[in-house]
Each structure stands twice: as structure tokens, then as C-alpha cells.
Amino acid sequence: MKKLSFMFLFIIGIIACLVNCSKEPVYKEFLIKVDSLTTESLQTGSARPLLSVHLYGTISPNGCSSYSHCKSYWQDQDFIIEAWKNVQVGATVCPTVMVYLDQTITFSRDSFPANFILKVKQPDGSYLEKPIE
């Protein structure tokens, strides 16, 4: 009887692990602290001017984080950009490598006013600002 109880508990434990133990890592998104930005006005062959925004910063001091995406939107007279990263949740072992942000985003200049403020949102709620003329 004791052997049967042990076998039953063992089988239940294996089933619980198979149902609840996922081998896929879980990620959570966070804003990236952008250290600096540069902008460049580009002319294309189709005569449609472009605005190129280059973002620089440190995503993470380890390899369990990576660049995810950028989000951009207008807020009053300001154009806001948010840079997002994926961070592996519950990671116990991460590669020892600095992960840097080095991302270029290009927009059609036709969709912007002549002068505006470009703001990059920071994790603490502040903004890195650059006037565009």
C-alpha cells in the first residue's frame, strides 16, 4: 500500500510539472533609458523628405534583455518617442554582455509641422528633448 501511495504521488507530481512547467521564457516590457539622440533630414529620390531619428543608450548589463520596439505619437505640440525592451522574468543565468540601444527610426517629414519638439520618454517619466526646425 505504501509503495502504491508513493507511485500515485510521483505520477501526480510529474503531471503537475508537465502542465505547469513551461520551458519558454517569460518576458516583461520596460522603457529604455535613452542617453542621447541625433536627427537627420534626408532627401529621397521621390522628393519626399524624411526625418531620421537615431537613439542611443544601454538596454541592460546582461543578455537577458533585448530591444523590443519603439512607439511614437503626438502629445499637444510635441512628438513623443518611447523605446521599449524585453526583460526575461525570473532568469537565473544571463550572458555577461552589455546590450546597447542603437536604433534608427525614419519618418516622412511631410507629416510633421515645420517646427516642433522631439521628446524621448525616459523610465522615470522625464524626457530627453530636441527642437526640430
Protein backbone atom coordinates (compact mmCIF):
# COMPACT_ATOMS: atom_id res chain seq x y z
CA MET A 1 0.00 0.00 0.00
CA LYS A 2 2.86 2.38 0.88
CA LYS A 3 4.51 1.70 -2.50
CA LEU A 4 1.21 2.38 -4.30
CA SER A 5 0.76 5.73 -2.48
CA PHE A 6 4.31 6.78 -3.38
CA MET A 7 3.74 5.82 -7.04
CA PHE A 8 0.46 7.76 -7.11
CA LEU A 9 2.10 10.91 -5.67
CA PHE A 10 5.02 10.54 -8.10
CA ILE A 11 2.66 10.37 -11.11
CA ILE A 12 0.64 13.37 -9.85
CA GLY A 13 3.90 15.34 -9.42
CA ILE A 14 5.04 14.53 -12.96
CA ILE A 15 1.67 15.53 -14.43
CA ALA A 16 1.65 18.80 -12.44
CA CYS A 17 5.13 19.64 -13.68
CA LEU A 18 4.24 18.90 -17.29
CA VAL A 19 1.15 21.07 -17.08
CA ASN A 20 2.69 24.00 -15.15
CA CYS A 21 6.37 23.91 -16.15
CA SER A 22 6.88 25.81 -19.37
CA LYS A 23 10.29 25.77 -20.99
CA GLU A 24 9.55 29.03 -22.83
CA PRO A 25 10.96 32.11 -21.09
CA VAL A 26 8.53 34.79 -19.92
CA TYR A 27 9.28 38.42 -20.80
CA LYS A 28 8.10 41.75 -19.44
CA GLU A 29 8.44 45.10 -21.25
CA PHE A 30 10.10 48.19 -19.81
CA LEU A 31 11.08 51.62 -21.14
CA ILE A 32 14.73 52.02 -22.10
CA LYS A 33 16.74 54.93 -20.72
CA VAL A 34 17.91 56.77 -23.83
CA ASP A 35 21.22 58.54 -23.24
CA SER A 36 21.35 60.56 -26.46
CA LEU A 37 19.72 61.07 -29.83
CA THR A 38 20.62 62.51 -33.19
CA THR A 39 18.39 63.59 -36.02
CA GLU A 40 18.98 63.98 -39.71
CA SER A 41 16.83 65.31 -42.53
CA LEU A 42 17.14 63.10 -45.58
CA GLN A 43 16.14 63.72 -49.18
CA THR A 44 14.97 60.75 -51.19
CA GLY A 45 14.76 60.29 -54.92
CA SER A 46 11.00 60.65 -54.79
CA ALA A 47 11.37 64.21 -53.41
CA ARG A 48 9.69 63.17 -50.14
CA PRO A 49 11.88 64.39 -47.29
CA LEU A 50 12.49 62.05 -44.37
CA LEU A 51 13.33 62.63 -40.73
CA SER A 52 15.75 60.06 -39.32
CA VAL A 53 15.98 59.74 -35.52
CA HIS A 54 18.83 57.72 -34.05
CA LEU A 55 18.53 56.60 -30.39
CA TYR A 56 21.49 55.55 -28.21
CA GLY A 57 21.64 54.07 -24.73
CA THR A 58 22.21 50.99 -22.61
CA ILE A 59 19.45 48.40 -22.59
CA SER A 60 20.97 46.10 -19.98
CA PRO A 61 24.23 44.97 -18.37
CA ASN A 62 23.33 41.34 -19.23
CA GLY A 63 22.00 39.31 -22.12
CA CYS A 64 18.58 38.61 -20.59
CA SER A 65 17.22 41.87 -22.05
CA SER A 66 16.82 42.96 -25.65
CA TYR A 67 15.36 45.76 -27.76
CA SER A 68 11.65 45.24 -28.41
CA HIS A 69 10.12 48.18 -30.28
CA CYS A 70 9.58 51.93 -30.48
CA LYS A 71 6.28 53.69 -30.08
CA SER A 72 5.69 57.23 -31.39
CA TYR A 73 2.78 59.64 -31.01
CA TRP A 74 1.82 63.31 -30.82
CA GLN A 75 1.05 64.91 -27.46
CA ASP A 76 -0.04 68.54 -27.85
CA GLN A 77 2.75 70.19 -29.91
CA ASP A 78 5.36 67.56 -29.01
CA PHE A 79 6.31 64.38 -30.87
CA ILE A 80 6.96 61.63 -28.31
CA ILE A 81 9.07 58.51 -28.90
CA GLU A 82 9.25 55.60 -26.44
CA ALA A 83 11.92 52.88 -26.77
CA TRP A 84 10.93 49.55 -25.18
CA LYS A 85 12.91 46.48 -24.13
CA ASN A 86 12.02 42.89 -23.26
CA VAL A 87 13.39 41.59 -19.96
CA GLN A 88 13.35 37.88 -19.20
CA VAL A 89 11.39 37.33 -15.96
CA GLY A 90 12.94 35.03 -13.37
CA ALA A 91 16.14 34.42 -15.30
CA THR A 92 18.78 32.85 -13.08
CA VAL A 93 21.65 32.72 -15.56
CA CYS A 94 22.22 35.52 -18.09
CA PRO A 95 25.08 36.01 -20.53
CA THR A 96 27.59 38.58 -19.27
CA VAL A 97 27.37 41.10 -22.08
CA MET A 98 26.35 44.76 -22.33
CA VAL A 99 23.28 45.22 -24.51
CA TYR A 100 23.18 48.62 -26.21
CA LEU A 101 20.44 50.62 -27.87
CA ASP A 102 21.47 51.76 -31.35
CA GLN A 103 18.19 52.20 -33.18
CA THR A 104 17.24 54.36 -36.16
CA ILE A 105 13.62 55.31 -36.83
CA THR A 106 12.65 57.07 -40.05
CA PHE A 107 9.53 59.19 -40.55
CA SER A 108 8.09 61.03 -43.52
CA ARG A 109 8.83 64.72 -42.89
CA ASP A 110 5.63 65.63 -44.77
CA SER A 111 3.58 64.51 -41.76
CA PHE A 112 5.33 66.93 -39.36
CA PRO A 113 4.96 70.68 -38.82
CA ALA A 114 7.89 72.95 -39.72
CA ASN A 115 8.97 73.32 -36.05
CA PHE A 116 8.27 71.04 -33.11
CA ILE A 117 9.88 69.46 -30.06
CA LEU A 118 11.00 65.84 -30.30
CA LYS A 119 10.82 64.17 -26.88
CA VAL A 120 12.08 60.73 -25.90
CA LYS A 121 10.29 59.41 -22.83
CA GLN A 122 12.54 58.09 -20.05
CA PRO A 123 11.69 55.38 -17.47
CA ASP A 124 11.49 57.97 -14.65
CA GLY A 125 8.84 59.98 -16.56
CA SER A 126 11.20 62.74 -17.72
CA TYR A 127 12.02 63.47 -21.37
CA LEU A 128 15.14 63.84 -23.48
CA GLU A 129 14.23 66.81 -25.71
CA LYS A 130 15.45 68.15 -29.03
CA PRO A 131 13.90 71.04 -31.01
CA ILE A 132 13.37 70.23 -34.70
CA GLU A 133 13.30 73.14 -37.16
